[in-house]
Amino acid sequence: MDFALIMFIALLVTGVIWATDHFIWAPVRGRAAATLQDAGEPEAAVNKARHEPLVVEYARAFFPVILFVFLLRSFLVEPFRIPSGSMMPGLLAGDFILVNKYTYGLRLPVINRKVVDLGAPRRGDVMVFRFPGDLSVNYIKRVIGLPGDTITGEENRVSVNGVPFTYQETGVFVGQGVSSEMTGSRIFAESMPGRTHSMLEMDGVPPGYRNNGTWVVPAGH
């Protein structure tokens, strides 16, 4: 479900109804009420002729609210829910976060096209992006590779362009609720150039899940 598209349609519908009433329907009602008043009709009849339809009342009430939320969500901050435990212990599954929408530039809502460039991702940034294999799925991951970098992963250890990250064990993780399944995992401080963050490592992970390999980040990615 594209929430931005739904909000845009709601904004368009309420705006059109409100504007049409303001410029067309309301003057017509006003003239009708004035005619009844000049004819000496009862005040109740005059007020009934002047009264705006319920759909217009709702449109007038909801349009500014939808506009505010739409602009806030499109250009300032957007809420996201953490879908998995891949960012533990910093972010837990089910957590809600607010994402800065203008760190890397301003994008037009719905069509998602960048119109103002304000910067580029830096190593260590935590970013939300659309999964290239399914654009309806949002991923929340940490940036470790920049354009042209060679990334190597071996036994849960990462190196970039031949320079390994450093790891220091700092404790044992004790989870609660949805994070309890990771209780007992070891907590490591993973240090990359200029950034240090916490990560979890669970013993006994089968070799096939360790994602060993080397990758080159393409230009523009």
N, C-alpha and C. Protein backbone atom coordinates (compact mmCIF):
# COMPACT_ATOMS: atom_id res chain seq x y z
N MET A 1 0.85 -1.19 0.00
CA MET A 1 0.00 0.00 0.00
C MET A 1 0.88 1.24 0.00
N ASP A 2 0.71 2.11 -1.01
CA ASP A 2 1.48 3.34 -1.12
C ASP A 2 0.75 4.43 -0.35
N PHE A 3 1.19 4.66 0.90
CA PHE A 3 0.50 5.62 1.76
C PHE A 3 0.61 7.03 1.21
N ALA A 4 1.75 7.35 0.59
CA ALA A 4 1.92 8.69 0.03
C ALA A 4 0.90 8.93 -1.09
N LEU A 5 0.67 7.92 -1.91
CA LEU A 5 -0.31 8.05 -2.99
C LEU A 5 -1.72 8.22 -2.43
N ILE A 6 -2.05 7.46 -1.40
CA ILE A 6 -3.37 7.57 -0.78
C ILE A 6 -3.57 8.97 -0.21
N MET A 7 -2.54 9.50 0.47
CA MET A 7 -2.65 10.84 1.03
C MET A 7 -2.77 11.89 -0.07
N PHE A 8 -2.05 11.69 -1.15
CA PHE A 8 -2.11 12.66 -2.26
C PHE A 8 -3.51 12.68 -2.86
N ILE A 9 -4.12 11.50 -3.06
CA ILE A 9 -5.48 11.43 -3.60
C ILE A 9 -6.47 12.10 -2.65
N ALA A 10 -6.32 11.81 -1.34
CA ALA A 10 -7.21 12.44 -0.36
C ALA A 10 -7.04 13.95 -0.35
N LEU A 11 -5.78 14.41 -0.48
CA LEU A 11 -5.52 15.85 -0.53
C LEU A 11 -6.15 16.47 -1.76
N LEU A 12 -6.03 15.78 -2.89
CA LEU A 12 -6.59 16.29 -4.14
C LEU A 12 -8.11 16.36 -4.08
N VAL A 13 -8.73 15.29 -3.58
CA VAL A 13 -10.20 15.25 -3.53
C VAL A 13 -10.75 16.32 -2.59
N THR A 14 -10.21 16.41 -1.37
CA THR A 14 -10.71 17.41 -0.42
C THR A 14 -10.43 18.82 -0.90
N GLY A 15 -9.27 19.03 -1.54
CA GLY A 15 -8.94 20.35 -2.05
C GLY A 15 -9.86 20.80 -3.17
N VAL A 16 -10.15 19.87 -4.08
CA VAL A 16 -11.05 20.20 -5.21
C VAL A 16 -12.45 20.52 -4.69
N ILE A 17 -12.93 19.71 -3.75
CA ILE A 17 -14.27 19.96 -3.20
C ILE A 17 -14.32 21.31 -2.49
N TRP A 18 -13.31 21.58 -1.67
CA TRP A 18 -13.27 22.85 -0.94
C TRP A 18 -13.18 24.04 -1.90
N ALA A 19 -12.28 23.96 -2.89
CA ALA A 19 -12.12 25.06 -3.84
C ALA A 19 -13.38 25.26 -4.69
N THR A 20 -13.97 24.16 -5.14
CA THR A 20 -15.20 24.27 -5.95
C THR A 20 -16.32 24.92 -5.15
N ASP A 21 -16.42 24.54 -3.87
CA ASP A 21 -17.45 25.16 -3.04
C ASP A 21 -17.17 26.64 -2.84
N HIS A 22 -15.92 26.98 -2.60
CA HIS A 22 -15.57 28.38 -2.31
C HIS A 22 -15.85 29.29 -3.51
N PHE A 23 -15.52 28.80 -4.70
CA PHE A 23 -15.63 29.67 -5.87
C PHE A 23 -16.94 29.52 -6.64
N ILE A 24 -17.65 28.40 -6.48
CA ILE A 24 -18.85 28.17 -7.29
C ILE A 24 -20.08 27.93 -6.42
N TRP A 25 -20.04 26.86 -5.60
CA TRP A 25 -21.25 26.47 -4.88
C TRP A 25 -21.65 27.50 -3.82
N ALA A 26 -20.69 28.00 -3.05
CA ALA A 26 -21.01 28.95 -1.98
C ALA A 26 -21.66 30.24 -2.52
N PRO A 27 -21.12 30.85 -3.60
CA PRO A 27 -21.80 32.03 -4.16
C PRO A 27 -23.22 31.73 -4.62
N VAL A 28 -23.43 30.54 -5.20
CA VAL A 28 -24.78 30.16 -5.64
C VAL A 28 -25.71 30.07 -4.43
N ARG A 29 -25.24 29.44 -3.34
CA ARG A 29 -26.06 29.34 -2.14
C ARG A 29 -26.33 30.73 -1.56
N GLY A 30 -25.31 31.58 -1.62
CA GLY A 30 -25.48 32.93 -1.08
C GLY A 30 -26.53 33.72 -1.85
N ARG A 31 -26.52 33.61 -3.17
CA ARG A 31 -27.51 34.32 -3.97
C ARG A 31 -28.91 33.77 -3.73
N ALA A 32 -29.00 32.43 -3.58
CA ALA A 32 -30.31 31.83 -3.31
C ALA A 32 -30.85 32.29 -1.96
N ALA A 33 -29.95 32.34 -0.96
CA ALA A 33 -30.39 32.79 0.36
C ALA A 33 -30.81 34.25 0.33
N ALA A 34 -30.07 35.07 -0.44
CA ALA A 34 -30.41 36.50 -0.53
C ALA A 34 -31.77 36.69 -1.20
N THR A 35 -32.05 35.87 -2.22
CA THR A 35 -33.34 35.95 -2.91
C THR A 35 -34.47 35.61 -1.96
N LEU A 36 -34.28 34.53 -1.17
CA LEU A 36 -35.32 34.14 -0.22
C LEU A 36 -35.52 35.21 0.85
N GLN A 37 -34.41 35.82 1.27
CA GLN A 37 -34.50 36.85 2.30
C GLN A 37 -35.24 38.09 1.77
N ASP A 38 -34.95 38.46 0.53
CA ASP A 38 -35.62 39.61 -0.08
C ASP A 38 -37.11 39.34 -0.27
N ALA A 39 -37.44 38.05 -0.47
CA ALA A 39 -38.84 37.70 -0.67
C ALA A 39 -39.59 37.57 0.64
N GLY A 40 -38.90 37.77 1.76
CA GLY A 40 -39.55 37.70 3.05
C GLY A 40 -39.79 36.29 3.57
N GLU A 41 -39.02 35.33 3.05
CA GLU A 41 -39.17 33.96 3.51
C GLU A 41 -38.66 33.83 4.95
N PRO A 42 -39.11 32.80 5.67
CA PRO A 42 -38.67 32.59 7.06
C PRO A 42 -37.15 32.42 7.16
N GLU A 43 -36.62 32.81 8.32
CA GLU A 43 -35.18 32.71 8.53
C GLU A 43 -34.68 31.28 8.40
N ALA A 44 -35.50 30.31 8.79
CA ALA A 44 -35.10 28.90 8.67
C ALA A 44 -34.86 28.52 7.22
N ALA A 45 -35.70 29.01 6.32
CA ALA A 45 -35.55 28.71 4.90
C ALA A 45 -34.29 29.38 4.35
N VAL A 46 -34.03 30.61 4.82
CA VAL A 46 -32.83 31.32 4.37
C VAL A 46 -31.57 30.59 4.82
N ASN A 47 -31.55 30.17 6.08
CA ASN A 47 -30.39 29.45 6.60
C ASN A 47 -30.20 28.11 5.92
N LYS A 48 -31.28 27.45 5.59
CA LYS A 48 -31.19 26.16 4.89
C LYS A 48 -30.58 26.34 3.52
N ALA A 49 -30.95 27.42 2.83
CA ALA A 49 -30.39 27.69 1.51
C ALA A 49 -28.91 28.03 1.58
N ARG A 50 -28.51 28.66 2.70
CA ARG A 50 -27.11 29.07 2.86
C ARG A 50 -26.23 27.94 3.38
N HIS A 51 -26.83 26.93 4.00
CA HIS A 51 -26.07 25.87 4.67
C HIS A 51 -25.28 25.04 3.65
N GLU A 52 -23.99 24.78 3.97
CA GLU A 52 -23.15 24.01 3.05
C GLU A 52 -23.35 22.52 3.27
N PRO A 53 -23.23 21.72 2.21
CA PRO A 53 -23.43 20.27 2.32
C PRO A 53 -22.41 19.63 3.27
N LEU A 54 -22.77 18.46 3.78
CA LEU A 54 -21.91 17.77 4.73
C LEU A 54 -20.56 17.42 4.12
N VAL A 55 -20.55 17.03 2.85
CA VAL A 55 -19.30 16.65 2.21
C VAL A 55 -18.35 17.85 2.14
N VAL A 56 -18.91 19.05 1.98
CA VAL A 56 -18.07 20.25 1.95
C VAL A 56 -17.52 20.54 3.34
N GLU A 57 -18.33 20.34 4.37
CA GLU A 57 -17.86 20.55 5.74
C GLU A 57 -16.67 19.64 6.04
N TYR A 58 -16.81 18.37 5.67
CA TYR A 58 -15.71 17.43 5.90
C TYR A 58 -14.46 17.81 5.11
N ALA A 59 -14.66 18.18 3.84
CA ALA A 59 -13.52 18.56 3.00
C ALA A 59 -12.81 19.78 3.58
N ARG A 60 -13.56 20.76 4.01
CA ARG A 60 -12.98 21.99 4.57
C ARG A 60 -12.24 21.69 5.87
N ALA A 61 -12.74 20.74 6.65
CA ALA A 61 -12.10 20.40 7.93
C ALA A 61 -10.84 19.56 7.74
N PHE A 62 -10.89 18.62 6.78
CA PHE A 62 -9.79 17.67 6.64
C PHE A 62 -8.67 18.17 5.72
N PHE A 63 -8.97 19.07 4.79
CA PHE A 63 -7.96 19.49 3.82
C PHE A 63 -6.71 20.06 4.48
N PRO A 64 -6.82 21.03 5.39
CA PRO A 64 -5.57 21.56 5.99
C PRO A 64 -4.82 20.53 6.81
N VAL A 65 -5.54 19.62 7.45
CA VAL A 65 -4.88 18.57 8.24
C VAL A 65 -4.09 17.64 7.33
N ILE A 66 -4.74 17.19 6.25
CA ILE A 66 -4.08 16.29 5.30
C ILE A 66 -2.90 16.99 4.64
N LEU A 67 -3.07 18.27 4.31
CA LEU A 67 -1.98 19.03 3.69
C LEU A 67 -0.78 19.12 4.62
N PHE A 68 -1.02 19.41 5.89
CA PHE A 68 0.07 19.50 6.86
C PHE A 68 0.81 18.18 6.99
N VAL A 69 0.06 17.08 7.15
CA VAL A 69 0.69 15.76 7.31
C VAL A 69 1.43 15.37 6.04
N PHE A 70 0.84 15.66 4.89
CA PHE A 70 1.45 15.30 3.60
C PHE A 70 2.79 16.02 3.42
N LEU A 71 2.82 17.32 3.70
CA LEU A 71 4.07 18.08 3.56
C LEU A 71 5.10 17.64 4.59
N LEU A 72 4.65 17.43 5.84
CA LEU A 72 5.56 16.99 6.89
C LEU A 72 6.19 15.64 6.54
N ARG A 73 5.36 14.71 6.10
CA ARG A 73 5.81 13.36 5.80
C ARG A 73 6.64 13.30 4.52
N SER A 74 6.38 14.19 3.60
CA SER A 74 7.07 14.16 2.31
C SER A 74 8.43 14.84 2.35
N PHE A 75 8.57 15.90 3.15
CA PHE A 75 9.77 16.72 3.06
C PHE A 75 10.55 16.85 4.36
N LEU A 76 9.96 16.49 5.51
CA LEU A 76 10.66 16.67 6.77
C LEU A 76 10.98 15.35 7.45
N VAL A 77 9.98 14.67 7.99
CA VAL A 77 10.21 13.38 8.66
C VAL A 77 9.10 12.42 8.27
N GLU A 78 9.44 11.12 8.29
CA GLU A 78 8.46 10.08 7.99
C GLU A 78 8.63 8.95 9.00
N PRO A 79 7.54 8.46 9.57
CA PRO A 79 7.65 7.36 10.53
C PRO A 79 7.81 6.02 9.81
N PHE A 80 8.62 5.16 10.38
CA PHE A 80 8.80 3.80 9.88
C PHE A 80 8.82 2.84 11.07
N ARG A 81 8.43 1.62 10.80
CA ARG A 81 8.47 0.58 11.82
C ARG A 81 9.57 -0.41 11.46
N ILE A 82 10.43 -0.72 12.42
CA ILE A 82 11.54 -1.64 12.18
C ILE A 82 10.96 -3.04 11.92
N PRO A 83 11.21 -3.63 10.73
CA PRO A 83 10.57 -4.89 10.39
C PRO A 83 11.28 -6.14 10.91
N SER A 84 12.56 -6.02 11.26
CA SER A 84 13.32 -7.22 11.64
C SER A 84 14.37 -6.84 12.67
N GLY A 85 15.11 -7.85 13.12
CA GLY A 85 16.13 -7.63 14.13
C GLY A 85 17.52 -7.42 13.58
N SER A 86 17.65 -7.11 12.29
CA SER A 86 18.97 -7.03 11.69
C SER A 86 19.79 -5.84 12.20
N MET A 87 19.14 -4.84 12.83
CA MET A 87 19.87 -3.68 13.32
C MET A 87 20.05 -3.72 14.84
N MET A 88 19.77 -4.86 15.46
CA MET A 88 19.96 -4.98 16.91
C MET A 88 21.45 -4.89 17.26
N PRO A 89 21.76 -4.37 18.47
CA PRO A 89 20.86 -3.97 19.55
C PRO A 89 20.40 -2.52 19.49
N GLY A 90 20.85 -1.76 18.50
CA GLY A 90 20.47 -0.36 18.44
C GLY A 90 19.00 -0.15 18.12
N LEU A 91 18.48 -0.91 17.17
CA LEU A 91 17.08 -0.84 16.77
C LEU A 91 16.48 -2.23 16.89
N LEU A 92 15.38 -2.33 17.60
CA LEU A 92 14.73 -3.62 17.82
C LEU A 92 13.55 -3.78 16.87
N ALA A 93 13.23 -5.02 16.56
CA ALA A 93 12.06 -5.31 15.73
C ALA A 93 10.81 -4.74 16.39
N GLY A 94 10.03 -4.00 15.60
CA GLY A 94 8.82 -3.39 16.13
C GLY A 94 8.99 -1.95 16.56
N ASP A 95 10.25 -1.49 16.69
CA ASP A 95 10.46 -0.09 17.06
C ASP A 95 9.93 0.84 15.97
N PHE A 96 9.45 2.00 16.39
CA PHE A 96 9.06 3.04 15.45
C PHE A 96 10.12 4.13 15.46
N ILE A 97 10.51 4.58 14.28
CA ILE A 97 11.53 5.61 14.15
C ILE A 97 11.03 6.72 13.24
N LEU A 98 11.60 7.90 13.40
CA LEU A 98 11.34 9.01 12.49
C LEU A 98 12.57 9.20 11.62
N VAL A 99 12.36 9.23 10.31
CA VAL A 99 13.46 9.33 9.36
C VAL A 99 13.51 10.75 8.78
N ASN A 100 14.69 11.33 8.80
CA ASN A 100 14.90 12.64 8.19
C ASN A 100 14.78 12.49 6.67
N LYS A 101 13.85 13.25 6.07
CA LYS A 101 13.58 13.10 4.64
C LYS A 101 14.45 14.01 3.76
N TYR A 102 15.21 14.93 4.35
CA TYR A 102 15.95 15.89 3.51
C TYR A 102 17.46 15.79 3.68
N THR A 103 17.94 14.74 4.36
CA THR A 103 19.39 14.61 4.57
C THR A 103 20.15 14.56 3.24
N TYR A 104 19.65 13.78 2.30
CA TYR A 104 20.33 13.61 1.02
C TYR A 104 19.71 14.44 -0.10
N GLY A 105 18.59 15.10 0.16
CA GLY A 105 17.96 15.91 -0.88
C GLY A 105 16.44 15.84 -0.76
N LEU A 106 15.77 16.68 -1.50
CA LEU A 106 14.32 16.73 -1.51
C LEU A 106 13.79 15.96 -2.72
N ARG A 107 12.80 15.12 -2.46
CA ARG A 107 12.19 14.32 -3.52
C ARG A 107 10.71 14.67 -3.64
N LEU A 108 10.21 14.64 -4.86
CA LEU A 108 8.79 14.84 -5.06
C LEU A 108 8.04 13.62 -4.54
N PRO A 109 7.01 13.83 -3.73
CA PRO A 109 6.25 12.68 -3.23
C PRO A 109 5.55 11.94 -4.35
N VAL A 110 5.22 10.69 -4.09
CA VAL A 110 4.52 9.78 -5.01
C VAL A 110 5.46 9.29 -6.10
N ILE A 111 6.02 10.21 -6.93
CA ILE A 111 6.90 9.77 -8.01
C ILE A 111 8.32 9.55 -7.52
N ASN A 112 8.65 10.04 -6.31
CA ASN A 112 9.94 9.79 -5.66
C ASN A 112 11.13 10.26 -6.49
N ARG A 113 10.99 11.39 -7.14
CA ARG A 113 12.08 11.92 -7.96
C ARG A 113 12.79 13.04 -7.22
N LYS A 114 14.13 12.95 -7.14
CA LYS A 114 14.89 13.98 -6.44
C LYS A 114 14.92 15.25 -7.26
N VAL A 115 14.60 16.38 -6.61
CA VAL A 115 14.60 17.67 -7.29
C VAL A 115 15.65 18.61 -6.70
N VAL A 116 16.08 18.35 -5.47
CA VAL A 116 17.13 19.16 -4.85
C VAL A 116 18.12 18.22 -4.19
N ASP A 117 19.39 18.31 -4.58
CA ASP A 117 20.43 17.44 -4.03
C ASP A 117 21.10 18.15 -2.86
N LEU A 118 21.04 17.53 -1.68
CA LEU A 118 21.62 18.15 -0.47
C LEU A 118 22.78 17.36 0.11
N GLY A 119 23.17 16.28 -0.52
CA GLY A 119 24.28 15.51 0.02
C GLY A 119 24.21 14.06 -0.42
N ALA A 120 25.18 13.29 0.01
CA ALA A 120 25.29 11.88 -0.36
C ALA A 120 25.44 11.04 0.90
N PRO A 121 25.06 9.77 0.83
CA PRO A 121 25.23 8.89 1.99
C PRO A 121 26.69 8.80 2.42
N ARG A 122 26.89 8.70 3.73
CA ARG A 122 28.22 8.54 4.30
C ARG A 122 28.32 7.17 4.95
N ARG A 123 29.52 6.66 5.01
CA ARG A 123 29.73 5.37 5.64
C ARG A 123 29.30 5.43 7.11
N GLY A 124 28.49 4.48 7.51
CA GLY A 124 27.99 4.45 8.88
C GLY A 124 26.59 4.98 9.03
N ASP A 125 26.08 5.69 8.03
CA ASP A 125 24.70 6.19 8.11
C ASP A 125 23.72 5.03 8.19
N VAL A 126 22.65 5.22 8.96
CA VAL A 126 21.53 4.28 8.95
C VAL A 126 20.46 4.89 8.06
N MET A 127 20.13 4.19 6.99
CA MET A 127 19.20 4.76 6.02
C MET A 127 18.04 3.81 5.74
N VAL A 128 16.94 4.41 5.32
CA VAL A 128 15.77 3.66 4.88
C VAL A 128 15.69 3.80 3.37
N PHE A 129 15.54 2.68 2.68
CA PHE A 129 15.47 2.72 1.22
C PHE A 129 14.53 1.63 0.72
N ARG A 130 14.10 1.77 -0.49
CA ARG A 130 13.22 0.78 -1.10
C ARG A 130 14.06 -0.37 -1.65
N PHE A 131 13.69 -1.57 -1.28
CA PHE A 131 14.41 -2.76 -1.73
C PHE A 131 14.31 -2.87 -3.25
N PRO A 132 15.44 -2.88 -3.97
CA PRO A 132 15.40 -2.90 -5.44
C PRO A 132 14.61 -4.08 -6.02
N GLY A 133 14.59 -5.20 -5.31
CA GLY A 133 13.86 -6.36 -5.82
C GLY A 133 12.36 -6.27 -5.67
N ASP A 134 11.89 -5.39 -4.76
CA ASP A 134 10.47 -5.19 -4.53
C ASP A 134 10.30 -3.80 -3.94
N LEU A 135 9.93 -2.82 -4.77
CA LEU A 135 9.90 -1.42 -4.35
C LEU A 135 8.82 -1.13 -3.32
N SER A 136 7.96 -2.11 -3.02
CA SER A 136 6.95 -1.90 -1.99
C SER A 136 7.49 -2.21 -0.59
N VAL A 137 8.72 -2.74 -0.53
CA VAL A 137 9.34 -3.13 0.75
C VAL A 137 10.41 -2.12 1.13
N ASN A 138 10.33 -1.60 2.35
CA ASN A 138 11.35 -0.69 2.86
C ASN A 138 12.39 -1.45 3.66
N TYR A 139 13.65 -1.17 3.40
CA TYR A 139 14.75 -1.76 4.15
C TYR A 139 15.38 -0.69 5.04
N ILE A 140 15.84 -1.09 6.20
CA ILE A 140 16.55 -0.21 7.12
C ILE A 140 17.91 -0.85 7.38
N LYS A 141 18.97 -0.23 6.86
CA LYS A 141 20.30 -0.82 6.94
C LYS A 141 21.35 0.26 7.19
N ARG A 142 22.53 -0.20 7.54
CA ARG A 142 23.66 0.71 7.75
C ARG A 142 24.55 0.72 6.51
N VAL A 143 24.96 1.90 6.10
CA VAL A 143 25.82 2.03 4.92
C VAL A 143 27.25 1.65 5.30
N ILE A 144 27.82 0.69 4.59
CA ILE A 144 29.23 0.37 4.79
C ILE A 144 30.04 0.55 3.51
N GLY A 145 29.35 0.51 2.35
CA GLY A 145 30.06 0.63 1.08
C GLY A 145 29.60 1.83 0.29
N LEU A 146 30.54 2.61 -0.22
CA LEU A 146 30.26 3.76 -1.07
C LEU A 146 30.65 3.43 -2.51
N PRO A 147 30.25 4.24 -3.47
CA PRO A 147 30.53 3.92 -4.87
C PRO A 147 32.00 3.60 -5.13
N GLY A 148 32.24 2.44 -5.74
CA GLY A 148 33.59 2.02 -6.08
C GLY A 148 34.28 1.20 -5.02
N ASP A 149 33.73 1.11 -3.82
CA ASP A 149 34.35 0.36 -2.73
C ASP A 149 34.30 -1.14 -3.00
N THR A 150 35.31 -1.84 -2.52
CA THR A 150 35.32 -3.30 -2.52
C THR A 150 35.04 -3.77 -1.10
N ILE A 151 33.93 -4.49 -0.94
CA ILE A 151 33.49 -4.95 0.38
C ILE A 151 33.75 -6.44 0.50
N THR A 152 34.39 -6.84 1.59
CA THR A 152 34.63 -8.25 1.85
C THR A 152 34.02 -8.63 3.19
N GLY A 153 33.26 -9.69 3.19
CA GLY A 153 32.71 -10.24 4.42
C GLY A 153 33.24 -11.63 4.65
N GLU A 154 33.78 -11.89 5.81
CA GLU A 154 34.35 -13.21 6.11
C GLU A 154 34.14 -13.52 7.59
N GLU A 155 33.33 -14.56 7.85
CA GLU A 155 33.05 -14.99 9.22
C GLU A 155 32.58 -13.82 10.09
N ASN A 156 31.59 -13.07 9.58
CA ASN A 156 30.97 -11.96 10.32
C ASN A 156 31.90 -10.78 10.54
N ARG A 157 32.98 -10.72 9.76
CA ARG A 157 33.89 -9.59 9.86
C ARG A 157 33.96 -8.90 8.50
N VAL A 158 33.99 -7.57 8.52
CA VAL A 158 33.90 -6.78 7.29
C VAL A 158 35.18 -6.00 7.07
N SER A 159 35.57 -5.90 5.81
CA SER A 159 36.66 -5.00 5.44
C SER A 159 36.25 -4.23 4.19
N VAL A 160 36.75 -3.02 4.08
CA VAL A 160 36.45 -2.16 2.94
C VAL A 160 37.76 -1.75 2.29
N ASN A 161 37.88 -2.07 1.00
CA ASN A 161 39.10 -1.76 0.25
C ASN A 161 40.34 -2.32 0.94
N GLY A 162 40.18 -3.51 1.51
CA GLY A 162 41.30 -4.19 2.15
C GLY A 162 41.57 -3.76 3.58
N VAL A 163 40.85 -2.78 4.09
CA VAL A 163 41.05 -2.30 5.46
C VAL A 163 39.95 -2.90 6.34
N PRO A 164 40.31 -3.76 7.28
CA PRO A 164 39.28 -4.42 8.10
C PRO A 164 38.69 -3.49 9.16
N PHE A 165 37.41 -3.66 9.42
CA PHE A 165 36.81 -3.01 10.58
C PHE A 165 37.37 -3.69 11.83
N THR A 166 37.34 -2.98 12.96
CA THR A 166 37.82 -3.57 14.20
C THR A 166 36.63 -3.93 15.09
N TYR A 167 36.81 -4.95 15.91
CA TYR A 167 35.73 -5.46 16.74
C TYR A 167 36.23 -5.66 18.16
N GLN A 168 35.42 -5.17 19.10
CA GLN A 168 35.75 -5.35 20.52
C GLN A 168 34.51 -5.82 21.25
N GLU A 169 34.62 -6.99 21.91
CA GLU A 169 33.48 -7.53 22.63
C GLU A 169 33.23 -6.69 23.88
N THR A 170 31.95 -6.32 24.09
CA THR A 170 31.62 -5.41 25.19
C THR A 170 30.63 -6.00 26.19
N GLY A 171 30.04 -7.17 25.89
CA GLY A 171 29.09 -7.72 26.84
C GLY A 171 28.20 -8.77 26.21
N VAL A 172 27.17 -9.15 26.96
CA VAL A 172 26.21 -10.16 26.51
C VAL A 172 24.83 -9.51 26.46
N PHE A 173 24.12 -9.77 25.39
CA PHE A 173 22.81 -9.14 25.17
C PHE A 173 21.72 -9.89 25.93
N VAL A 174 20.85 -9.14 26.60
CA VAL A 174 19.67 -9.69 27.27
C VAL A 174 18.46 -8.99 26.67
N GLY A 175 17.67 -9.73 25.92
CA GLY A 175 16.53 -9.14 25.23
C GLY A 175 15.24 -9.29 26.00
N GLN A 176 14.26 -8.52 25.57
CA GLN A 176 12.92 -8.57 26.13
C GLN A 176 11.91 -8.58 24.99
N GLY A 177 10.79 -9.26 25.21
CA GLY A 177 9.75 -9.29 24.18
C GLY A 177 10.24 -9.93 22.91
N VAL A 178 10.05 -9.22 21.78
CA VAL A 178 10.42 -9.78 20.48
C VAL A 178 11.93 -9.96 20.33
N SER A 179 12.71 -9.26 21.16
CA SER A 179 14.17 -9.37 21.05
C SER A 179 14.73 -10.47 21.94
N SER A 180 13.86 -11.18 22.68
CA SER A 180 14.35 -12.18 23.63
C SER A 180 15.04 -13.36 22.94
N GLU A 181 14.69 -13.58 21.66
CA GLU A 181 15.31 -14.71 20.95
C GLU A 181 16.80 -14.52 20.74
N MET A 182 17.27 -13.28 20.87
CA MET A 182 18.70 -13.00 20.71
C MET A 182 19.43 -12.93 22.04
N THR A 183 18.73 -13.24 23.13
CA THR A 183 19.37 -13.25 24.45
C THR A 183 20.55 -14.23 24.45
N GLY A 184 21.65 -13.80 24.99
CA GLY A 184 22.85 -14.62 25.02
C GLY A 184 23.83 -14.29 23.91
N SER A 185 23.39 -13.51 22.93
CA SER A 185 24.31 -13.10 21.88
C SER A 185 25.38 -12.17 22.45
N ARG A 186 26.53 -12.22 21.85
CA ARG A 186 27.61 -11.36 22.29
C ARG A 186 27.49 -9.99 21.63
N ILE A 187 27.75 -8.94 22.41
CA ILE A 187 27.70 -7.57 21.90
C ILE A 187 29.12 -7.14 21.53
N PHE A 188 29.26 -6.64 20.31
CA PHE A 188 30.55 -6.15 19.84
C PHE A 188 30.42 -4.68 19.45
N ALA A 189 31.48 -3.93 19.69
CA ALA A 189 31.61 -2.58 19.14
C ALA A 189 32.34 -2.73 17.81
N GLU A 190 31.63 -2.46 16.72
CA GLU A 190 32.22 -2.54 15.38
C GLU A 190 32.64 -1.14 14.97
N SER A 191 33.92 -0.98 14.66
CA SER A 191 34.44 0.34 14.30
C SER A 191 34.84 0.37 12.84
N MET A 192 34.23 1.31 12.12
CA MET A 192 34.62 1.60 10.74
C MET A 192 35.23 2.99 10.73
N PRO A 193 35.84 3.41 9.64
CA PRO A 193 36.47 4.73 9.64
C PRO A 193 35.50 5.84 10.06
N GLY A 194 35.75 6.44 11.22
CA GLY A 194 34.96 7.57 11.68
C GLY A 194 33.69 7.21 12.43
N ARG A 195 33.32 5.96 12.49
CA ARG A 195 32.06 5.57 13.14
C ARG A 195 32.27 4.29 13.95
N THR A 196 31.60 4.21 15.10
CA THR A 196 31.56 3.00 15.91
C THR A 196 30.13 2.76 16.35
N HIS A 197 29.69 1.52 16.27
CA HIS A 197 28.34 1.18 16.67
C HIS A 197 28.34 -0.23 17.26
N SER A 198 27.23 -0.60 17.90
CA SER A 198 27.11 -1.92 18.50
C SER A 198 26.47 -2.90 17.53
N MET A 199 26.86 -4.14 17.63
CA MET A 199 26.28 -5.21 16.82
C MET A 199 26.20 -6.47 17.67
N LEU A 200 25.37 -7.42 17.24
CA LEU A 200 25.24 -8.69 17.94
C LEU A 200 25.83 -9.81 17.11
N GLU A 201 26.36 -10.79 17.79
CA GLU A 201 26.86 -11.99 17.12
C GLU A 201 26.40 -13.20 17.91
N MET A 202 25.70 -14.08 17.22
CA MET A 202 25.20 -15.30 17.87
C MET A 202 26.09 -16.48 17.48
N ASP A 203 26.53 -17.22 18.47
CA ASP A 203 27.36 -18.38 18.21
C ASP A 203 26.54 -19.50 17.58
N GLY A 204 27.22 -20.35 16.83
CA GLY A 204 26.57 -21.53 16.27
C GLY A 204 25.80 -21.29 14.99
N VAL A 205 26.06 -20.17 14.30
CA VAL A 205 25.37 -19.89 13.04
C VAL A 205 25.96 -20.79 11.96
N PRO A 206 25.13 -21.52 11.20
CA PRO A 206 25.65 -22.41 10.15
C PRO A 206 26.45 -21.64 9.11
N PRO A 207 27.48 -22.26 8.53
CA PRO A 207 28.34 -21.57 7.55
C PRO A 207 27.56 -20.95 6.40
N GLY A 208 26.48 -21.59 5.97
CA GLY A 208 25.73 -21.08 4.83
C GLY A 208 25.04 -19.77 5.07
N TYR A 209 24.96 -19.33 6.34
CA TYR A 209 24.29 -18.08 6.68
C TYR A 209 25.27 -16.96 7.02
N ARG A 210 26.53 -17.17 6.76
CA ARG A 210 27.53 -16.19 7.15
C ARG A 210 27.83 -15.17 6.07
N ASN A 211 27.30 -15.38 4.88
CA ASN A 211 27.41 -14.39 3.80
C ASN A 211 28.85 -14.01 3.50
N ASN A 212 29.72 -15.00 3.43
CA ASN A 212 31.11 -14.71 3.05
C ASN A 212 31.17 -14.35 1.57
N GLY A 213 32.06 -13.44 1.23
CA GLY A 213 32.23 -13.08 -0.18
C GLY A 213 32.80 -11.69 -0.33
N THR A 214 33.01 -11.31 -1.58
CA THR A 214 33.54 -9.99 -1.92
C THR A 214 32.64 -9.36 -2.99
N TRP A 215 32.34 -8.08 -2.79
CA TRP A 215 31.47 -7.36 -3.71
C TRP A 215 32.06 -5.99 -3.99
N VAL A 216 31.84 -5.50 -5.19
CA VAL A 216 32.24 -4.13 -5.57
C VAL A 216 30.99 -3.29 -5.73
N VAL A 217 30.95 -2.17 -5.03
CA VAL A 217 29.78 -1.28 -5.10
C VAL A 217 29.83 -0.52 -6.43
N PRO A 218 28.79 -0.64 -7.25
CA PRO A 218 28.80 0.06 -8.55
C PRO A 218 28.73 1.57 -8.36
N ALA A 219 29.14 2.28 -9.38
CA ALA A 219 29.02 3.75 -9.37
C ALA A 219 27.55 4.14 -9.22
N GLY A 220 27.31 5.14 -8.40
CA GLY A 220 25.96 5.62 -8.21
C GLY A 220 25.12 4.78 -7.28
N HIS A 221 25.73 3.81 -6.61
CA HIS A 221 25.01 2.93 -5.70
C HIS A 221 25.61 3.02 -4.29
